[in-house]
Every structure is written in structure tokens, then in C-alpha cells.
Amino acid sequence: MARIKGAMMTRKRRNKVLKLAKGYWGSKSKHFKMAKQAVMKSGQYAYIGRKQNKRNFRRLWIARISAACKLNGMNYSTFMNGCKKAGITLNRKMLSEIAIHDAAGFAAIVEKAKAAL
């Protein structure tokens, strides 16, 4: 029986890593060993970044809602408590969009939240 060598699969595997490392600085894009390390590290950064993205957006929405609440004479925590008691189930993303694009609508929501407290 003929001996099967692994050269073709090894080349494919290495080319896959080098393709992912395209555009990296210096020999990180040319040499397999350095490229493999760089690709693994960039994969870790990307994974962490996807989690941080969610946190950052939530912080942004809360900051926007808080600023809009202060314009209407209320702070963020009492506003959210009032929304919960008033049965307003809008999420923070939608509340921040309303605060940006429809100030009168947001003021009406704040009044409902105040009334519920």
C-alpha cells in the first residue's frame, strides 16, 4: 500500500492562516509561525470585542436617556423606576432613539413615569 503524505493538507492549513494574516505588519503576514500567533491573538481580541460592543452600546443608551431625563427634570434611576411602574416596556435602545429624534414624545413618556411614582 502506498504511503500517504500530509504535505497537501499542511499547505492548505498554512495558507488558510496566512490568508487570515494578510495585511499584518512585517513578517506576521509572511512567516507561518508568527502569522499563526498573530491570528490567534487577533481572534481573542475579536471575541472580547464582540462582548465589549454590547456593553458600550448599553452605556451610550443610558447616557443619552439620562441627559434627556435631566432636561425634563428627572434623573435616570427614578425615570426607569417610573417606567417600570407605569408599565412602559420600551428597552433602553428605543428610549434613547426617542430621546434623540422625538423630544416631545420622550417628554410625554417622562410625564407618565412621573405620574406612576
C-alpha atoms as a PDB file:
ATOM      1  CA  MET A   1       0.000   0.000   0.000  1.00  0.00           C
ATOM      2  CA  ALA A   2       1.240   3.482  -0.871  1.00  0.00           C
ATOM      3  CA  ARG A   3       2.320   5.829   1.874  1.00  0.00           C
ATOM      4  CA  ILE A   4       0.142   8.925   2.204  1.00  0.00           C
ATOM      5  CA  LYS A   5       1.980  12.096   2.969  1.00  0.00           C
ATOM      6  CA  GLY A   6       0.424  15.113   4.682  1.00  0.00           C
ATOM      7  CA  ALA A   7       2.009  17.803   2.543  1.00  0.00           C
ATOM      8  CA  MET A   8      -1.142  18.924   0.764  1.00  0.00           C
ATOM      9  CA  MET A   9      -3.259  19.299   3.903  1.00  0.00           C
ATOM     10  CA  THR A  10      -0.400  21.004   5.743  1.00  0.00           C
ATOM     11  CA  ARG A  11      -0.033  23.511   2.885  1.00  0.00           C
ATOM     12  CA  LYS A  12      -3.804  24.154   2.893  1.00  0.00           C
ATOM     13  CA  ARG A  13      -3.843  24.677   6.650  1.00  0.00           C
ATOM     14  CA  ARG A  14      -0.878  27.051   6.482  1.00  0.00           C
ATOM     15  CA  ASN A  15      -2.321  29.013   3.567  1.00  0.00           C
ATOM     16  CA  LYS A  16      -5.587  29.435   5.483  1.00  0.00           C
ATOM     17  CA  VAL A  17      -3.706  31.036   8.385  1.00  0.00           C
ATOM     18  CA  LEU A  18      -1.568  33.193   6.065  1.00  0.00           C
ATOM     19  CA  LYS A  19      -4.710  34.375   4.282  1.00  0.00           C
ATOM     20  CA  LEU A  20      -6.206  35.471   7.624  1.00  0.00           C
ATOM     21  CA  ALA A  21      -2.928  37.282   8.444  1.00  0.00           C
ATOM     22  CA  LYS A  22      -2.946  39.239   5.170  1.00  0.00           C
ATOM     23  CA  GLY A  23      -2.225  42.900   5.825  1.00  0.00           C
ATOM     24  CA  TYR A  24      -0.468  42.328   9.134  1.00  0.00           C
ATOM     25  CA  TRP A  25       2.745  44.281   9.703  1.00  0.00           C
ATOM     26  CA  GLY A  26       6.143  42.816   8.826  1.00  0.00           C
ATOM     27  CA  SER A  27       6.767  39.094   8.935  1.00  0.00           C
ATOM     28  CA  LYS A  28       3.464  38.443  10.727  1.00  0.00           C
ATOM     29  CA  SER A  29       1.903  38.264   7.288  1.00  0.00           C
ATOM     30  CA  LYS A  30       4.696  36.219   5.665  1.00  0.00           C
ATOM     31  CA  HIS A  31       6.036  33.647   8.145  1.00  0.00           C
ATOM     32  CA  PHE A  32       3.637  30.919   9.227  1.00  0.00           C
ATOM     33  CA  LYS A  33       4.782  30.665  12.842  1.00  0.00           C
ATOM     34  CA  MET A  34       4.410  34.400  13.525  1.00  0.00           C
ATOM     35  CA  ALA A  35       1.228  34.607  11.464  1.00  0.00           C
ATOM     36  CA  LYS A  36      -0.354  31.797  13.460  1.00  0.00           C
ATOM     37  CA  GLN A  37       0.347  33.571  16.755  1.00  0.00           C
ATOM     38  CA  ALA A  38      -0.942  36.881  15.407  1.00  0.00           C
ATOM     39  CA  VAL A  39      -4.131  35.297  14.027  1.00  0.00           C
ATOM     40  CA  MET A  40      -4.815  33.530  17.335  1.00  0.00           C
ATOM     41  CA  LYS A  41      -4.326  36.764  19.280  1.00  0.00           C
ATOM     42  CA  SER A  42      -6.484  38.766  16.876  1.00  0.00           C
ATOM     43  CA  GLY A  43      -9.186  36.118  17.238  1.00  0.00           C
ATOM     44  CA  GLN A  44      -9.099  36.607  21.003  1.00  0.00           C
ATOM     45  CA  TYR A  45      -9.343  40.369  20.612  1.00  0.00           C
ATOM     46  CA  ALA A  46     -12.277  39.969  18.215  1.00  0.00           C
ATOM     47  CA  TYR A  47     -14.096  37.649  20.641  1.00  0.00           C
ATOM     48  CA  ILE A  48     -13.589  40.053  23.550  1.00  0.00           C
ATOM     49  CA  GLY A  49     -14.568  42.996  21.337  1.00  0.00           C
ATOM     50  CA  ARG A  50     -17.911  41.422  20.465  1.00  0.00           C
ATOM     51  CA  LYS A  51     -18.743  41.251  24.167  1.00  0.00           C
ATOM     52  CA  GLN A  52     -17.490  44.797  24.868  1.00  0.00           C
ATOM     53  CA  ASN A  53     -19.542  46.159  21.975  1.00  0.00           C
ATOM     54  CA  LYS A  54     -22.769  45.208  23.749  1.00  0.00           C
ATOM     55  CA  ARG A  55     -21.616  46.871  26.995  1.00  0.00           C
ATOM     56  CA  ASN A  56     -20.507  50.040  25.226  1.00  0.00           C
ATOM     57  CA  PHE A  57     -23.813  50.471  23.411  1.00  0.00           C
ATOM     58  CA  ARG A  58     -25.776  49.970  26.621  1.00  0.00           C
ATOM     59  CA  ARG A  59     -23.628  52.635  28.325  1.00  0.00           C
ATOM     60  CA  LEU A  60     -24.244  55.002  25.416  1.00  0.00           C
ATOM     61  CA  TRP A  61     -28.025  54.478  25.529  1.00  0.00           C
ATOM     62  CA  ILE A  62     -28.095  55.042  29.304  1.00  0.00           C
ATOM     63  CA  ALA A  63     -26.044  58.257  28.944  1.00  0.00           C
ATOM     64  CA  ARG A  64     -28.455  59.559  26.283  1.00  0.00           C
ATOM     65  CA  ILE A  65     -31.551  58.681  28.317  1.00  0.00           C
ATOM     66  CA  SER A  66     -30.013  60.259  31.422  1.00  0.00           C
ATOM     67  CA  ALA A  67     -29.261  63.510  29.571  1.00  0.00           C
ATOM     68  CA  ALA A  68     -32.810  63.654  28.172  1.00  0.00           C
ATOM     69  CA  CYS A  69     -34.283  62.938  31.625  1.00  0.00           C
ATOM     70  CA  LYS A  70     -32.292  65.781  33.178  1.00  0.00           C
ATOM     71  CA  LEU A  71     -33.756  68.149  30.575  1.00  0.00           C
ATOM     72  CA  ASN A  72     -37.195  67.057  31.792  1.00  0.00           C
ATOM     73  CA  GLY A  73     -36.342  67.493  35.484  1.00  0.00           C
ATOM     74  CA  MET A  74     -35.798  63.864  36.461  1.00  0.00           C
ATOM     75  CA  ASN A  75     -32.836  61.592  36.955  1.00  0.00           C
ATOM     76  CA  TYR A  76     -32.246  58.290  35.170  1.00  0.00           C
ATOM     77  CA  SER A  77     -32.915  55.841  38.004  1.00  0.00           C
ATOM     78  CA  THR A  78     -36.221  57.380  39.075  1.00  0.00           C
ATOM     79  CA  PHE A  79     -37.275  57.586  35.420  1.00  0.00           C
ATOM     80  CA  MET A  80     -36.599  53.877  34.870  1.00  0.00           C
ATOM     81  CA  ASN A  81     -38.416  53.040  38.116  1.00  0.00           C
ATOM     82  CA  GLY A  82     -41.377  55.153  36.985  1.00  0.00           C
ATOM     83  CA  CYS A  83     -41.383  53.459  33.570  1.00  0.00           C
ATOM     84  CA  LYS A  84     -41.495  50.038  35.223  1.00  0.00           C
ATOM     85  CA  LYS A  85     -44.373  51.088  37.498  1.00  0.00           C
ATOM     86  CA  ALA A  86     -46.238  52.732  34.592  1.00  0.00           C
ATOM     87  CA  GLY A  87     -45.930  49.542  32.552  1.00  0.00           C
ATOM     88  CA  ILE A  88     -43.784  51.135  29.827  1.00  0.00           C
ATOM     89  CA  THR A  89     -41.801  48.206  28.417  1.00  0.00           C
ATOM     90  CA  LEU A  90     -39.602  50.076  25.917  1.00  0.00           C
ATOM     91  CA  ASN A  91     -35.980  48.975  26.026  1.00  0.00           C
ATOM     92  CA  ARG A  92     -33.087  51.385  26.504  1.00  0.00           C
ATOM     93  CA  LYS A  93     -32.176  51.408  22.828  1.00  0.00           C
ATOM     94  CA  MET A  94     -35.658  52.567  21.806  1.00  0.00           C
ATOM     95  CA  LEU A  95     -35.869  55.081  24.659  1.00  0.00           C
ATOM     96  CA  SER A  96     -32.573  56.648  23.565  1.00  0.00           C
ATOM     97  CA  GLU A  97     -33.762  56.818  19.938  1.00  0.00           C
ATOM     98  CA  ILE A  98     -36.976  58.529  21.061  1.00  0.00           C
ATOM     99  CA  ALA A  99     -34.952  60.931  23.224  1.00  0.00           C
ATOM    100  CA  ILE A 100     -32.802  61.915  20.225  1.00  0.00           C
ATOM    101  CA  HIS A 101     -35.399  62.115  17.456  1.00  0.00           C
ATOM    102  CA  ASP A 102     -38.662  62.949  19.249  1.00  0.00           C
ATOM    103  CA  ALA A 103     -38.148  65.215  22.255  1.00  0.00           C
ATOM    104  CA  ALA A 104     -41.882  65.834  22.714  1.00  0.00           C
ATOM    105  CA  GLY A 105     -42.607  62.109  22.721  1.00  0.00           C
ATOM    106  CA  PHE A 106     -39.899  61.499  25.285  1.00  0.00           C
ATOM    107  CA  ALA A 107     -41.277  64.308  27.450  1.00  0.00           C
ATOM    108  CA  ALA A 108     -44.673  62.563  27.368  1.00  0.00           C
ATOM    109  CA  ILE A 109     -43.049  59.298  28.500  1.00  0.00           C
ATOM    110  CA  VAL A 110     -41.317  61.169  31.339  1.00  0.00           C
ATOM    111  CA  GLU A 111     -44.658  62.650  32.436  1.00  0.00           C
ATOM    112  CA  LYS A 112     -46.229  59.160  32.506  1.00  0.00           C
ATOM    113  CA  ALA A 113     -43.267  57.888  34.533  1.00  0.00           C
ATOM    114  CA  LYS A 114     -43.638  60.810  36.996  1.00  0.00           C
ATOM    115  CA  ALA A 115     -47.348  60.149  37.363  1.00  0.00           C
ATOM    116  CA  ALA A 116     -46.725  56.466  38.148  1.00  0.00           C
ATOM    117  CA  LEU A 117     -44.387  57.273  41.060  1.00  0.00           C
END
